[in-house]
Amino acid sequence: MNNHNTFLLKEAFKDFLNTYPFIKDKVNENRITEVWGKLMGQMILKHTDKLTVRNRVLSVEVNSATLRNELNYAKEKIRNTINNELGDNLIDEVRIR
């Protein structure tokens, strides 16, 4: 029963997100926040104060200077890991504060 007026829900949702990019950014930020703990582990999650995504830049605030230093060395790996996990190139840069 496919006619020209029939959409898959997935296609309709993609069209909706493309029409309203600010909503798409929020959805992507939530997806990244969701996988952060899974990919980084409980210890890093426990020391993470804030995650934000703006203009394809992931900003991570941590409350440990030692951890901040270690994460700064792994920024490229973090970016690649998140993009691979989500199956999309959502992050261009990672900033650790």
Protein backbone atom coordinates (compact mmCIF):
# COMPACT_ATOMS: atom_id res chain seq x y z
CA MET A 1 0.00 0.00 0.00
CA ASN A 2 2.65 2.48 -1.07
CA ASN A 3 1.38 5.56 -2.80
CA HIS A 4 2.87 9.00 -3.23
CA ASN A 5 1.24 10.26 0.00
CA THR A 6 2.67 7.54 2.22
CA PHE A 7 5.77 8.24 4.33
CA LEU A 8 7.70 6.01 6.62
CA LEU A 9 7.78 7.42 10.13
CA LYS A 10 11.58 7.55 9.91
CA GLU A 11 11.43 9.66 6.73
CA ALA A 12 8.80 11.98 8.21
CA PHE A 13 10.92 12.48 11.35
CA LYS A 14 14.03 13.24 9.25
CA ASP A 15 12.07 15.80 7.24
CA PHE A 16 10.81 17.36 10.45
CA LEU A 17 14.34 17.61 11.89
CA ASN A 18 15.69 19.07 8.64
CA THR A 19 12.93 21.69 8.70
CA TYR A 20 13.76 22.69 12.30
CA PRO A 21 17.56 22.48 12.71
CA PHE A 22 17.52 23.77 16.31
CA ILE A 23 15.46 20.72 17.29
CA LYS A 24 17.83 18.47 15.36
CA ASP A 25 20.75 19.93 17.33
CA LYS A 26 18.99 19.18 20.62
CA VAL A 27 18.19 15.62 19.55
CA ASN A 28 21.83 15.07 18.59
CA GLU A 29 23.01 16.57 21.89
CA ASN A 30 20.77 14.14 23.76
CA ARG A 31 22.09 11.22 21.71
CA ILE A 32 25.68 12.21 22.50
CA THR A 33 24.92 12.67 26.21
CA GLU A 34 23.30 9.25 26.25
CA VAL A 35 26.33 7.46 24.81
CA TRP A 36 28.91 9.46 26.81
CA GLY A 37 28.58 7.34 29.95
CA LYS A 38 28.40 4.13 27.98
CA LEU A 39 31.57 4.89 26.01
CA MET A 40 33.63 6.63 28.68
CA GLY A 41 32.73 4.52 31.69
CA GLN A 42 31.39 5.23 35.16
CA MET A 43 34.54 6.88 36.54
CA ILE A 44 34.63 9.54 33.81
CA LEU A 45 30.84 9.95 33.96
CA LYS A 46 31.06 10.55 37.71
CA HIS A 47 33.54 13.41 37.16
CA THR A 48 31.67 14.94 34.21
CA ASP A 49 29.80 18.08 35.25
CA LYS A 50 28.38 19.21 31.92
CA LEU A 51 28.19 18.18 28.26
CA THR A 52 27.09 20.60 25.56
CA VAL A 53 27.11 20.49 21.78
CA ARG A 54 27.06 23.67 19.73
CA ASN A 55 28.06 24.05 16.10
CA ARG A 56 29.36 20.45 16.00
CA VAL A 57 31.71 21.12 18.96
CA LEU A 58 31.39 18.91 22.04
CA SER A 59 32.32 20.78 25.22
CA VAL A 60 32.95 18.63 28.28
CA GLU A 61 33.34 20.09 31.77
CA VAL A 62 35.04 17.82 34.29
CA ASN A 63 35.75 18.40 37.98
CA SER A 64 39.15 16.73 38.07
CA ALA A 65 42.33 18.37 36.80
CA THR A 66 44.03 15.02 36.29
CA LEU A 67 41.12 13.66 34.28
CA ARG A 68 40.92 16.90 32.29
CA ASN A 69 44.56 16.49 31.32
CA GLU A 70 44.07 12.84 30.28
CA LEU A 71 40.96 13.65 28.24
CA ASN A 72 42.77 16.48 26.46
CA TYR A 73 45.26 13.93 25.15
CA ALA A 74 42.42 11.73 23.90
CA LYS A 75 40.20 14.35 22.22
CA GLU A 76 40.58 12.92 18.72
CA LYS A 77 39.85 9.39 19.93
CA ILE A 78 36.77 10.64 21.83
CA ARG A 79 35.47 12.39 18.72
CA ASN A 80 35.99 9.32 16.54
CA THR A 81 34.47 6.96 19.11
CA ILE A 82 31.30 9.05 19.52
CA ASN A 83 30.87 9.54 15.77
CA ASN A 84 31.36 5.80 15.15
CA GLU A 85 28.94 4.82 17.91
CA LEU A 86 26.21 7.09 16.56
CA GLY A 87 26.89 6.16 12.94
CA ASP A 88 27.08 9.79 11.89
CA ASN A 89 29.65 12.57 11.81
CA LEU A 90 28.03 14.76 14.48
CA ILE A 91 31.17 16.07 16.22
CA ASP A 92 34.02 17.95 14.54
CA GLU A 93 35.85 19.02 17.68
CA VAL A 94 36.05 18.14 21.37
CA ARG A 95 36.89 20.75 24.02
CA ILE A 96 37.69 19.70 27.57
CA ARG A 97 37.32 22.24 30.40
